[in-house]
Amino acid sequence: MVRRPLVVGNWKMNGTRESRKTLLANILSGVSESDPAEVGICAPYVFIPEAAELLKKVPILLGAQNVANEDDGPFTGEISARMLREFGCDLVIVGHSERRLLYGESNELVAARYKKALDYGLTPILCVGETLKQRERSETLDIIDQQLDAVVDSAGVESLANAVIAYEPVWAIGTGRTATVAQVQEIHEYLRRKISGWEPGVSASVRILYGGSVKPENARTLFGLPDVDGGLIGEASLDAESFLSICHSV
């Protein structure tokens, strides 16, 4: 099965209204439906309505950076999947390492957010990955197992056919360390093999992205790995030229 690569920019908590409009316009100028890679942008909540207007009738998916695990109610600060769909979102990141580490989101909460996204027709980008301490203790596969198992236990392995997985080696982001090509392929292959043990058809179709400081200089090599189907791009997605260079590296 041929999996179409996917490159998603995660703007995180960056930019102003005007600067994001300019950034998005510049990205739009370099993306077409004939490109090999599918392209997405996950914007801060407040920029989503305007981005949705700019992305009408263009081949870029719109996403959010998190989603509530409830439909509605007294949950101050949360944004529901229903709201995101109403404003044109296609994608949503769940379980990003920053949410897990900085805000204490458990595997069970991430699974609940993931399931709620699916309930409303959003494609969840499920982030998994280990910290430096976990890698040094040789816990990488155990941590990834726990993160993925929680989702499959909650929503079923078949749900992964309507989702995307992103591997984030937290230990290689902003630490001065770099994941080797072999290390990246090892984990991506492990994820696909694990899913294949549950359901081979889902394993063959699910897209697994790499989220470990992808840059124009390393994108072509990373995207050429057999089990890497694109990237979840952080800092480099804040510059249109860099982001487009990564998109065109597929």
C-alpha atoms as a PDB file:
ATOM      1  CA  MET A   1       0.000   0.000   0.000  1.00  0.00           C
ATOM      2  CA  VAL A   2       1.304   3.448  -0.941  1.00  0.00           C
ATOM      3  CA  ARG A   3       1.044   5.934   1.916  1.00  0.00           C
ATOM      4  CA  ARG A   4       0.950   9.581   0.861  1.00  0.00           C
ATOM      5  CA  PRO A   5       3.491  11.514   2.942  1.00  0.00           C
ATOM      6  CA  LEU A   6       2.181  14.161   5.328  1.00  0.00           C
ATOM      7  CA  VAL A   7       4.049  17.237   6.560  1.00  0.00           C
ATOM      8  CA  VAL A   8       2.363  19.190   9.369  1.00  0.00           C
ATOM      9  CA  GLY A   9       3.550  22.490  10.804  1.00  0.00           C
ATOM     10  CA  ASN A  10       2.980  22.985  14.529  1.00  0.00           C
ATOM     11  CA  TRP A  11       3.115  26.727  15.216  1.00  0.00           C
ATOM     12  CA  LYS A  12       2.864  26.161  18.982  1.00  0.00           C
ATOM     13  CA  MET A  13       2.383  29.457  20.909  1.00  0.00           C
ATOM     14  CA  ASN A  14       4.114  31.732  18.405  1.00  0.00           C
ATOM     15  CA  GLY A  15       3.308  34.749  16.287  1.00  0.00           C
ATOM     16  CA  THR A  16       0.826  37.553  15.953  1.00  0.00           C
ATOM     17  CA  ARG A  17      -2.323  37.764  13.880  1.00  0.00           C
ATOM     18  CA  GLU A  18      -0.577  39.717  11.136  1.00  0.00           C
ATOM     19  CA  SER A  19       2.600  37.640  11.091  1.00  0.00           C
ATOM     20  CA  ARG A  20       0.636  34.381  10.855  1.00  0.00           C
ATOM     21  CA  LYS A  21      -1.437  35.740   7.954  1.00  0.00           C
ATOM     22  CA  THR A  22       1.776  36.599   6.126  1.00  0.00           C
ATOM     23  CA  LEU A  23       3.336  33.227   6.951  1.00  0.00           C
ATOM     24  CA  LEU A  24       0.285  31.330   5.759  1.00  0.00           C
ATOM     25  CA  ALA A  25       0.059  33.370   2.555  1.00  0.00           C
ATOM     26  CA  ASN A  26       3.707  32.587   1.795  1.00  0.00           C
ATOM     27  CA  ILE A  27       3.164  28.889   2.471  1.00  0.00           C
ATOM     28  CA  LEU A  28       0.083  28.882   0.253  1.00  0.00           C
ATOM     29  CA  SER A  29       2.119  30.287  -2.628  1.00  0.00           C
ATOM     30  CA  GLY A  30       4.356  27.225  -2.583  1.00  0.00           C
ATOM     31  CA  VAL A  31       1.834  24.385  -2.182  1.00  0.00           C
ATOM     32  CA  SER A  32      -0.244  22.742  -4.900  1.00  0.00           C
ATOM     33  CA  GLU A  33      -2.500  19.711  -5.181  1.00  0.00           C
ATOM     34  CA  SER A  34       0.071  18.004  -7.402  1.00  0.00           C
ATOM     35  CA  ASP A  35       2.728  17.982  -4.670  1.00  0.00           C
ATOM     36  CA  PRO A  36       3.748  14.501  -3.477  1.00  0.00           C
ATOM     37  CA  ALA A  37       3.184  15.425   0.170  1.00  0.00           C
ATOM     38  CA  GLU A  38      -0.039  16.382   1.879  1.00  0.00           C
ATOM     39  CA  VAL A  39       0.463  19.527   3.966  1.00  0.00           C
ATOM     40  CA  GLY A  40      -1.175  20.631   7.213  1.00  0.00           C
ATOM     41  CA  ILE A  41      -0.918  23.507   9.675  1.00  0.00           C
ATOM     42  CA  CYS A  42      -1.777  23.293  13.383  1.00  0.00           C
ATOM     43  CA  ALA A  43      -2.400  26.848  14.545  1.00  0.00           C
ATOM     44  CA  PRO A  44      -3.090  28.380  17.965  1.00  0.00           C
ATOM     45  CA  TYR A  45      -6.828  28.373  18.697  1.00  0.00           C
ATOM     46  CA  VAL A  46      -7.253  32.133  18.231  1.00  0.00           C
ATOM     47  CA  PHE A  47      -5.833  32.017  14.701  1.00  0.00           C
ATOM     48  CA  ILE A  48      -7.984  29.100  13.525  1.00  0.00           C
ATOM     49  CA  PRO A  49     -11.040  31.063  12.252  1.00  0.00           C
ATOM     50  CA  GLU A  50      -8.919  33.356  10.089  1.00  0.00           C
ATOM     51  CA  ALA A  51      -6.751  30.493   8.876  1.00  0.00           C
ATOM     52  CA  ALA A  52      -9.880  28.570   7.921  1.00  0.00           C
ATOM     53  CA  GLU A  53     -10.966  31.450   5.693  1.00  0.00           C
ATOM     54  CA  LEU A  54      -7.559  31.659   4.029  1.00  0.00           C
ATOM     55  CA  LEU A  55      -7.442  27.901   3.461  1.00  0.00           C
ATOM     56  CA  LYS A  56     -10.818  27.605   1.736  1.00  0.00           C
ATOM     57  CA  LYS A  57     -10.452  25.783  -1.591  1.00  0.00           C
ATOM     58  CA  VAL A  58      -6.706  25.217  -1.137  1.00  0.00           C
ATOM     59  CA  PRO A  59      -4.887  21.912  -0.557  1.00  0.00           C
ATOM     60  CA  ILE A  60      -3.741  22.521   3.023  1.00  0.00           C
ATOM     61  CA  LEU A  61      -5.276  20.804   6.047  1.00  0.00           C
ATOM     62  CA  LEU A  62      -6.092  22.900   9.103  1.00  0.00           C
ATOM     63  CA  GLY A  63      -5.484  21.602  12.579  1.00  0.00           C
ATOM     64  CA  ALA A  64      -5.458  22.502  16.270  1.00  0.00           C
ATOM     65  CA  GLN A  65      -2.829  21.719  18.879  1.00  0.00           C
ATOM     66  CA  ASN A  66      -5.077  19.976  21.415  1.00  0.00           C
ATOM     67  CA  VAL A  67      -8.709  19.025  22.013  1.00  0.00           C
ATOM     68  CA  ALA A  68     -10.937  18.522  25.038  1.00  0.00           C
ATOM     69  CA  ASN A  69     -11.901  15.051  26.172  1.00  0.00           C
ATOM     70  CA  GLU A  70     -15.499  16.199  26.779  1.00  0.00           C
ATOM     71  CA  ASP A  71     -18.285  17.359  24.451  1.00  0.00           C
ATOM     72  CA  ASP A  72     -19.108  20.499  26.451  1.00  0.00           C
ATOM     73  CA  GLY A  73     -19.606  21.696  30.020  1.00  0.00           C
ATOM     74  CA  PRO A  74     -17.773  23.492  32.855  1.00  0.00           C
ATOM     75  CA  PHE A  75     -14.218  22.982  31.561  1.00  0.00           C
ATOM     76  CA  THR A  76     -12.654  26.421  31.556  1.00  0.00           C
ATOM     77  CA  GLY A  77      -9.865  26.810  29.026  1.00  0.00           C
ATOM     78  CA  GLU A  78     -10.743  23.703  26.998  1.00  0.00           C
ATOM     79  CA  ILE A  79     -11.854  23.630  23.349  1.00  0.00           C
ATOM     80  CA  SER A  80     -14.134  20.819  22.172  1.00  0.00           C
ATOM     81  CA  ALA A  81     -13.874  18.708  19.057  1.00  0.00           C
ATOM     82  CA  ARG A  82     -17.300  19.987  18.004  1.00  0.00           C
ATOM     83  CA  MET A  83     -15.994  23.574  18.112  1.00  0.00           C
ATOM     84  CA  LEU A  84     -12.907  22.672  16.086  1.00  0.00           C
ATOM     85  CA  ARG A  85     -15.014  20.971  13.419  1.00  0.00           C
ATOM     86  CA  GLU A  86     -17.362  23.955  13.262  1.00  0.00           C
ATOM     87  CA  PHE A  87     -14.398  26.198  12.458  1.00  0.00           C
ATOM     88  CA  GLY A  88     -13.055  23.954   9.714  1.00  0.00           C
ATOM     89  CA  CYS A  89     -10.396  21.860  11.419  1.00  0.00           C
ATOM     90  CA  ASP A  90      -9.336  18.561   9.853  1.00  0.00           C
ATOM     91  CA  LEU A  91      -6.517  17.593  12.230  1.00  0.00           C
ATOM     92  CA  VAL A  92      -5.684  17.863  15.908  1.00  0.00           C
ATOM     93  CA  ILE A  93      -2.501  17.042  17.809  1.00  0.00           C
ATOM     94  CA  VAL A  94      -2.995  14.892  20.905  1.00  0.00           C
ATOM     95  CA  GLY A  95      -0.388  13.847  23.448  1.00  0.00           C
ATOM     96  CA  HIS A  96       2.329  16.231  22.303  1.00  0.00           C
ATOM     97  CA  SER A  97       5.409  15.863  24.494  1.00  0.00           C
ATOM     98  CA  GLU A  98       4.961  19.406  25.799  1.00  0.00           C
ATOM     99  CA  ARG A  99       1.413  18.593  26.923  1.00  0.00           C
ATOM    100  CA  ARG A 100       2.586  15.410  28.611  1.00  0.00           C
ATOM    101  CA  LEU A 101       5.634  16.947  30.287  1.00  0.00           C
ATOM    102  CA  LEU A 102       4.611  20.541  31.043  1.00  0.00           C
ATOM    103  CA  TYR A 103       0.935  19.981  31.795  1.00  0.00           C
ATOM    104  CA  GLY A 104       0.962  16.455  33.166  1.00  0.00           C
ATOM    105  CA  GLU A 105      -1.357  14.850  30.613  1.00  0.00           C
ATOM    106  CA  SER A 106      -1.534  11.135  31.357  1.00  0.00           C
ATOM    107  CA  ASN A 107      -1.751   8.339  28.810  1.00  0.00           C
ATOM    108  CA  GLU A 108      -5.399   7.878  29.806  1.00  0.00           C
ATOM    109  CA  LEU A 109      -6.244  11.550  29.251  1.00  0.00           C
ATOM    110  CA  VAL A 110      -4.459  11.553  25.897  1.00  0.00           C
ATOM    111  CA  ALA A 111      -6.459   8.465  24.900  1.00  0.00           C
ATOM    112  CA  ALA A 112      -9.703  10.199  25.868  1.00  0.00           C
ATOM    113  CA  ARG A 113      -8.781  13.281  23.816  1.00  0.00           C
ATOM    114  CA  TYR A 114      -7.856  11.029  20.885  1.00  0.00           C
ATOM    115  CA  LYS A 115     -11.176   9.203  21.035  1.00  0.00           C
ATOM    116  CA  LYS A 116     -13.167  12.441  21.227  1.00  0.00           C
ATOM    117  CA  ALA A 117     -11.379  13.774  18.146  1.00  0.00           C
ATOM    118  CA  LEU A 118     -12.392  10.670  16.209  1.00  0.00           C
ATOM    119  CA  ASP A 119     -15.984  10.964  17.424  1.00  0.00           C
ATOM    120  CA  TYR A 120     -16.260  14.283  15.584  1.00  0.00           C
ATOM    121  CA  GLY A 121     -14.426  13.317  12.412  1.00  0.00           C
ATOM    122  CA  LEU A 122     -11.110  14.929  13.249  1.00  0.00           C
ATOM    123  CA  THR A 123      -7.876  13.135  12.405  1.00  0.00           C
ATOM    124  CA  PRO A 124      -5.819  12.892  15.600  1.00  0.00           C
ATOM    125  CA  ILE A 125      -2.048  13.142  15.326  1.00  0.00           C
ATOM    126  CA  LEU A 126      -1.046  10.944  18.251  1.00  0.00           C
ATOM    127  CA  CYS A 127       2.385  11.856  19.609  1.00  0.00           C
ATOM    128  CA  VAL A 128       4.525   9.240  21.325  1.00  0.00           C
ATOM    129  CA  GLY A 129       8.108   9.344  22.505  1.00  0.00           C
ATOM    130  CA  GLU A 130      10.555   9.106  25.375  1.00  0.00           C
ATOM    131  CA  THR A 131      12.559  11.604  27.426  1.00  0.00           C
ATOM    132  CA  LEU A 132      16.322  11.608  27.821  1.00  0.00           C
ATOM    133  CA  LYS A 133      16.158   9.943  31.249  1.00  0.00           C
ATOM    134  CA  GLN A 134      13.828   7.262  29.906  1.00  0.00           C
ATOM    135  CA  ARG A 135      16.162   6.551  26.990  1.00  0.00           C
ATOM    136  CA  GLU A 136      19.189   6.403  29.267  1.00  0.00           C
ATOM    137  CA  ARG A 137      17.333   3.849  31.405  1.00  0.00           C
ATOM    138  CA  SER A 138      16.589   1.797  28.251  1.00  0.00           C
ATOM    139  CA  GLU A 139      12.854   2.386  28.727  1.00  0.00           C
ATOM    140  CA  THR A 140      12.124   3.687  25.221  1.00  0.00           C
ATOM    141  CA  LEU A 141      10.043   0.777  23.992  1.00  0.00           C
ATOM    142  CA  ASP A 142       8.220   0.386  27.300  1.00  0.00           C
ATOM    143  CA  ILE A 143       7.195   4.049  27.268  1.00  0.00           C
ATOM    144  CA  ILE A 144       6.020   3.893  23.665  1.00  0.00           C
ATOM    145  CA  ASP A 145       4.111   0.693  24.415  1.00  0.00           C
ATOM    146  CA  GLN A 146       2.305   2.363  27.306  1.00  0.00           C
ATOM    147  CA  GLN A 147       1.427   5.436  25.245  1.00  0.00           C
ATOM    148  CA  LEU A 148       0.118   3.460  22.261  1.00  0.00           C
ATOM    149  CA  ASP A 149      -1.566   0.722  24.311  1.00  0.00           C
ATOM    150  CA  ALA A 150      -3.662   3.293  26.200  1.00  0.00           C
ATOM    151  CA  VAL A 151      -5.104   4.567  22.925  1.00  0.00           C
ATOM    152  CA  VAL A 152      -5.737   1.122  21.458  1.00  0.00           C
ATOM    153  CA  ASP A 153      -7.349  -0.075  24.697  1.00  0.00           C
ATOM    154  CA  SER A 154      -9.685   2.919  24.595  1.00  0.00           C
ATOM    155  CA  ALA A 155     -10.501   3.271  20.907  1.00  0.00           C
ATOM    156  CA  GLY A 156      -9.433  -0.018  19.309  1.00  0.00           C
ATOM    157  CA  VAL A 157      -6.617  -0.703  16.871  1.00  0.00           C
ATOM    158  CA  GLU A 158      -8.968  -0.085  13.940  1.00  0.00           C
ATOM    159  CA  SER A 159      -9.133   3.578  14.984  1.00  0.00           C
ATOM    160  CA  LEU A 160      -5.521   4.012  13.887  1.00  0.00           C
ATOM    161  CA  ALA A 161      -6.713   3.715  10.285  1.00  0.00           C
ATOM    162  CA  ASN A 162      -8.265   7.159  10.806  1.00  0.00           C
ATOM    163  CA  ALA A 163      -5.339   8.627  12.720  1.00  0.00           C
ATOM    164  CA  VAL A 164      -1.701   9.620  12.311  1.00  0.00           C
ATOM    165  CA  ILE A 165       1.163   8.752  14.683  1.00  0.00           C
ATOM    166  CA  ALA A 166       4.110  11.075  15.323  1.00  0.00           C
ATOM    167  CA  TYR A 167       7.264   9.838  17.026  1.00  0.00           C
ATOM    168  CA  GLU A 168       8.927  12.550  19.106  1.00  0.00           C
ATOM    169  CA  PRO A 169      12.294  11.641  20.616  1.00  0.00           C
ATOM    170  CA  VAL A 170      12.017  14.214  23.399  1.00  0.00           C
ATOM    171  CA  TRP A 171      15.654  13.562  24.302  1.00  0.00           C
ATOM    172  CA  ALA A 172      16.763  14.905  20.914  1.00  0.00           C
ATOM    173  CA  ILE A 173      14.744  18.129  20.973  1.00  0.00           C
ATOM    174  CA  GLY A 174      16.602  21.124  22.381  1.00  0.00           C
ATOM    175  CA  THR A 175      19.127  18.979  24.269  1.00  0.00           C
ATOM    176  CA  GLY A 176      22.052  19.202  21.871  1.00  0.00           C
ATOM    177  CA  ARG A 177      21.699  15.521  21.090  1.00  0.00           C
ATOM    178  CA  THR A 178      20.667  14.263  17.675  1.00  0.00           C
ATOM    179  CA  ALA A 179      18.801  11.100  16.786  1.00  0.00           C
ATOM    180  CA  THR A 180      20.663   9.128  14.150  1.00  0.00           C
ATOM    181  CA  VAL A 181      18.934   7.941  11.010  1.00  0.00           C
ATOM    182  CA  ALA A 182      19.205   4.390  12.334  1.00  0.00           C
ATOM    183  CA  GLN A 183      17.540   5.353  15.629  1.00  0.00           C
ATOM    184  CA  VAL A 184      14.680   7.090  13.822  1.00  0.00           C
ATOM    185  CA  GLN A 185      14.033   4.128  11.537  1.00  0.00           C
ATOM    186  CA  GLU A 186      14.313   1.689  14.455  1.00  0.00           C
ATOM    187  CA  ILE A 187      11.434   3.283  16.366  1.00  0.00           C
ATOM    188  CA  HIS A 188       9.251   3.848  13.318  1.00  0.00           C
ATOM    189  CA  GLU A 189       9.751   0.237  12.290  1.00  0.00           C
ATOM    190  CA  TYR A 190       8.964  -0.893  15.833  1.00  0.00           C
ATOM    191  CA  LEU A 191       5.707   1.060  15.852  1.00  0.00           C
ATOM    192  CA  ARG A 192       4.625  -0.382  12.523  1.00  0.00           C
ATOM    193  CA  ARG A 193       5.577  -3.918  13.584  1.00  0.00           C
ATOM    194  CA  LYS A 194       3.685  -3.542  16.850  1.00  0.00           C
ATOM    195  CA  ILE A 195       0.541  -2.392  15.040  1.00  0.00           C
ATOM    196  CA  SER A 196       0.964  -5.207  12.528  1.00  0.00           C
ATOM    197  CA  GLY A 197       0.786  -7.671  15.407  1.00  0.00           C
ATOM    198  CA  TRP A 198      -2.708  -6.373  16.093  1.00  0.00           C
ATOM    199  CA  GLU A 199      -3.916  -5.685  12.559  1.00  0.00           C
ATOM    200  CA  PRO A 200      -1.629  -5.941   9.482  1.00  0.00           C
ATOM    201  CA  GLY A 201      -3.940  -3.907   7.261  1.00  0.00           C
ATOM    202  CA  VAL A 202      -3.921  -0.951   9.636  1.00  0.00           C
ATOM    203  CA  SER A 203      -0.152  -1.186  10.003  1.00  0.00           C
ATOM    204  CA  ALA A 204       0.306  -0.947   6.249  1.00  0.00           C
ATOM    205  CA  SER A 205      -1.875   2.154   5.920  1.00  0.00           C
ATOM    206  CA  VAL A 206      -1.198   4.248   9.032  1.00  0.00           C
ATOM    207  CA  ARG A 207       1.135   7.188   8.513  1.00  0.00           C
ATOM    208  CA  ILE A 208       3.930   7.556  11.059  1.00  0.00           C
ATOM    209  CA  LEU A 209       5.579  10.983  11.149  1.00  0.00           C
ATOM    210  CA  TYR A 210       8.893  11.997  12.652  1.00  0.00           C
ATOM    211  CA  GLY A 211       8.824  14.923  15.065  1.00  0.00           C
ATOM    212  CA  GLY A 212      12.419  15.372  16.151  1.00  0.00           C
ATOM    213  CA  SER A 213      13.758  18.707  14.881  1.00  0.00           C
ATOM    214  CA  VAL A 214      13.255  18.154  11.164  1.00  0.00           C
ATOM    215  CA  LYS A 215      15.061  20.809   9.113  1.00  0.00           C
ATOM    216  CA  PRO A 216      15.582  21.466   5.390  1.00  0.00           C
ATOM    217  CA  GLU A 217      19.077  19.982   5.765  1.00  0.00           C
ATOM    218  CA  ASN A 218      17.939  16.577   7.051  1.00  0.00           C
ATOM    219  CA  ALA A 219      14.385  16.269   5.724  1.00  0.00           C
ATOM    220  CA  ARG A 220      15.218  14.407   2.516  1.00  0.00           C
ATOM    221  CA  THR A 221      17.229  11.773   4.357  1.00  0.00           C
ATOM    222  CA  LEU A 222      14.599  11.291   7.070  1.00  0.00           C
ATOM    223  CA  PHE A 223      11.693  11.161   4.633  1.00  0.00           C
ATOM    224  CA  GLY A 224      13.573   8.581   2.587  1.00  0.00           C
ATOM    225  CA  LEU A 225      13.444   6.053   5.414  1.00  0.00           C
ATOM    226  CA  PRO A 226      11.027   3.176   4.683  1.00  0.00           C
ATOM    227  CA  ASP A 227       8.798   3.696   7.738  1.00  0.00           C
ATOM    228  CA  VAL A 228       8.860   7.508   7.931  1.00  0.00           C
ATOM    229  CA  ASP A 229       5.829   9.016   6.223  1.00  0.00           C
ATOM    230  CA  GLY A 230       6.570  12.706   6.758  1.00  0.00           C
ATOM    231  CA  GLY A 231       7.079  15.031   9.674  1.00  0.00           C
ATOM    232  CA  LEU A 232       5.529  17.045  12.471  1.00  0.00           C
ATOM    233  CA  ILE A 233       7.500  20.267  12.153  1.00  0.00           C
ATOM    234  CA  GLY A 234       7.953  22.759  14.978  1.00  0.00           C
ATOM    235  CA  GLU A 235      10.429  25.624  14.712  1.00  0.00           C
ATOM    236  CA  ALA A 236      11.069  25.223  10.982  1.00  0.00           C
ATOM    237  CA  SER A 237       7.351  25.675  10.252  1.00  0.00           C
ATOM    238  CA  LEU A 238       7.561  29.297  11.457  1.00  0.00           C
ATOM    239  CA  ASP A 239       9.558  30.228   8.356  1.00  0.00           C
ATOM    240  CA  ALA A 240       7.788  29.734   5.030  1.00  0.00           C
ATOM    241  CA  GLU A 241      10.945  29.062   3.044  1.00  0.00           C
ATOM    242  CA  SER A 242      12.184  26.432   5.476  1.00  0.00           C
ATOM    243  CA  PHE A 243       8.792  24.784   5.797  1.00  0.00           C
ATOM    244  CA  LEU A 244       8.252  24.629   2.038  1.00  0.00           C
ATOM    245  CA  SER A 245      11.754  23.232   1.562  1.00  0.00           C
ATOM    246  CA  ILE A 246      10.849  20.430   3.991  1.00  0.00           C
ATOM    247  CA  CYS A 247       7.516  19.804   2.229  1.00  0.00           C
ATOM    248  CA  HIS A 248       9.293  19.582  -1.125  1.00  0.00           C
ATOM    249  CA  SER A 249      11.909  17.174   0.268  1.00  0.00           C
ATOM    250  CA  VAL A 250       9.442  14.302  -0.011  1.00  0.00           C
END
